[in-house]
Amino acid sequence: MATVSRKLWERIVRGVNTTIKAFVAAKVGSSDYLGATKTIREKIAKIPGILKVEIIFGRYDIIAEVEAKDLDELSRLITDKIKSIPNVLSTETFICYQP
């Protein structure tokens, strides 16, 4: 998982009531690229903790706005839910800085 800012990490360790907001970008691989991308977008949108999902152009195919109560929940959401969807080849997570 990505490096977490020191300030955010200290808030998490001290138990300050906070949520983690992040963006998860996913690369899709399929012979039916557009159909698979739309299907994956719909599946991701149904996952609890997902706020918004968009199909994008560029290095990644889908980006999802995510909210989690802590890093463990964020990790489980990505590993157990998003990465387990067929044709999701890889993900990259961008944790938002919240001073």
Protein backbone atom coordinates (compact mmCIF):
# COMPACT_ATOMS: atom_id res chain seq x y z
CA MET A 1 0.00 0.00 0.00
CA ALA A 2 1.11 3.56 -0.58
CA THR A 3 3.03 5.65 1.95
CA VAL A 4 0.82 7.51 4.41
CA SER A 5 1.59 11.07 5.49
CA ARG A 6 3.06 11.31 8.98
CA LYS A 7 0.29 13.63 10.18
CA LEU A 8 -2.46 11.27 8.97
CA TRP A 9 -0.63 8.27 10.44
CA GLU A 10 -0.38 9.99 13.84
CA ARG A 11 -4.11 10.75 13.80
CA ILE A 12 -4.88 7.11 13.00
CA VAL A 13 -2.54 5.75 15.70
CA ARG A 14 -3.94 8.12 18.34
CA GLY A 15 -7.47 7.01 17.47
CA VAL A 16 -8.70 10.39 16.28
CA ASN A 17 -12.09 9.92 14.65
CA THR A 18 -11.20 10.17 10.98
CA THR A 19 -11.97 8.52 7.70
CA ILE A 20 -9.56 7.89 4.91
CA LYS A 21 -10.47 9.16 1.47
CA ALA A 22 -8.64 7.68 -1.49
CA PHE A 23 -8.85 7.16 -5.23
CA VAL A 24 -8.26 3.68 -6.62
CA ALA A 25 -7.29 3.39 -10.28
CA ALA A 26 -7.74 0.02 -11.98
CA LYS A 27 -6.35 -1.46 -15.18
CA VAL A 28 -8.75 -3.72 -17.06
CA GLY A 29 -7.78 -6.54 -19.41
CA SER A 30 -10.24 -8.33 -21.65
CA SER A 31 -10.85 -9.22 -25.28
CA ASP A 32 -14.18 -7.37 -24.95
CA TYR A 33 -12.54 -4.27 -23.48
CA LEU A 34 -15.42 -1.79 -23.45
CA GLY A 35 -18.02 -4.33 -22.32
CA ALA A 36 -15.75 -5.60 -19.55
CA THR A 37 -14.94 -2.07 -18.42
CA LYS A 38 -18.61 -1.17 -18.08
CA THR A 39 -19.34 -4.40 -16.20
CA ILE A 40 -16.42 -3.86 -13.83
CA ARG A 41 -17.51 -0.26 -13.25
CA GLU A 42 -20.99 -1.50 -12.25
CA LYS A 43 -19.54 -4.13 -9.88
CA ILE A 44 -17.21 -1.65 -8.20
CA ALA A 45 -20.05 0.87 -7.77
CA LYS A 46 -21.98 -1.70 -5.67
CA ILE A 47 -19.15 -2.18 -3.14
CA PRO A 48 -19.79 -0.51 0.24
CA GLY A 49 -17.36 2.38 0.74
CA ILE A 50 -17.25 3.33 -2.94
CA LEU A 51 -18.48 6.88 -3.41
CA LYS A 52 -18.12 7.28 -7.18
CA VAL A 53 -16.72 5.32 -10.14
CA GLU A 54 -15.72 6.63 -13.56
CA ILE A 55 -14.35 5.10 -16.76
CA ILE A 56 -11.27 7.07 -17.77
CA PHE A 57 -8.72 7.24 -20.59
CA GLY A 58 -4.99 6.92 -20.05
CA ARG A 59 -2.78 4.57 -18.08
CA TYR A 60 -5.76 3.22 -16.15
CA ASP A 61 -9.29 2.38 -17.27
CA ILE A 62 -11.39 3.00 -14.15
CA ILE A 63 -11.05 5.29 -11.15
CA ALA A 64 -13.06 4.98 -7.95
CA GLU A 65 -13.44 7.41 -5.08
CA VAL A 66 -13.29 5.45 -1.83
CA GLU A 67 -13.90 6.17 1.83
CA ALA A 68 -12.75 3.85 4.61
CA LYS A 69 -12.61 4.08 8.39
CA ASP A 70 -8.93 3.02 8.52
CA LEU A 71 -6.07 1.59 6.47
CA ASP A 72 -7.07 -2.00 7.21
CA GLU A 73 -10.56 -1.42 5.83
CA LEU A 74 -9.12 0.33 2.77
CA SER A 75 -6.71 -2.54 2.20
CA ARG A 76 -9.49 -5.15 2.50
CA LEU A 77 -11.73 -3.18 0.14
CA ILE A 78 -9.02 -3.08 -2.52
CA THR A 79 -7.61 -6.58 -2.04
CA ASP A 80 -10.76 -8.56 -1.27
CA LYS A 81 -13.33 -6.66 -3.33
CA ILE A 82 -11.82 -4.72 -6.25
CA LYS A 83 -8.87 -6.98 -7.13
CA SER A 84 -11.07 -10.08 -6.92
CA ILE A 85 -13.26 -8.89 -9.82
CA PRO A 86 -12.41 -10.85 -12.99
CA ASN A 87 -10.38 -8.87 -15.58
CA VAL A 88 -9.06 -6.34 -13.04
CA LEU A 89 -5.37 -6.69 -13.79
CA SER A 90 -3.92 -4.20 -11.34
CA THR A 91 -4.74 -1.24 -9.11
CA GLU A 92 -2.97 1.83 -7.78
CA THR A 93 -4.18 3.69 -4.71
CA PHE A 94 -3.90 7.42 -4.10
CA ILE A 95 -4.63 8.37 -0.49
CA CYS A 96 -5.86 11.95 -0.08
CA TYR A 97 -4.13 14.30 2.31
CA GLN A 98 -6.55 15.61 4.93
CA PRO A 99 -4.83 18.06 7.31
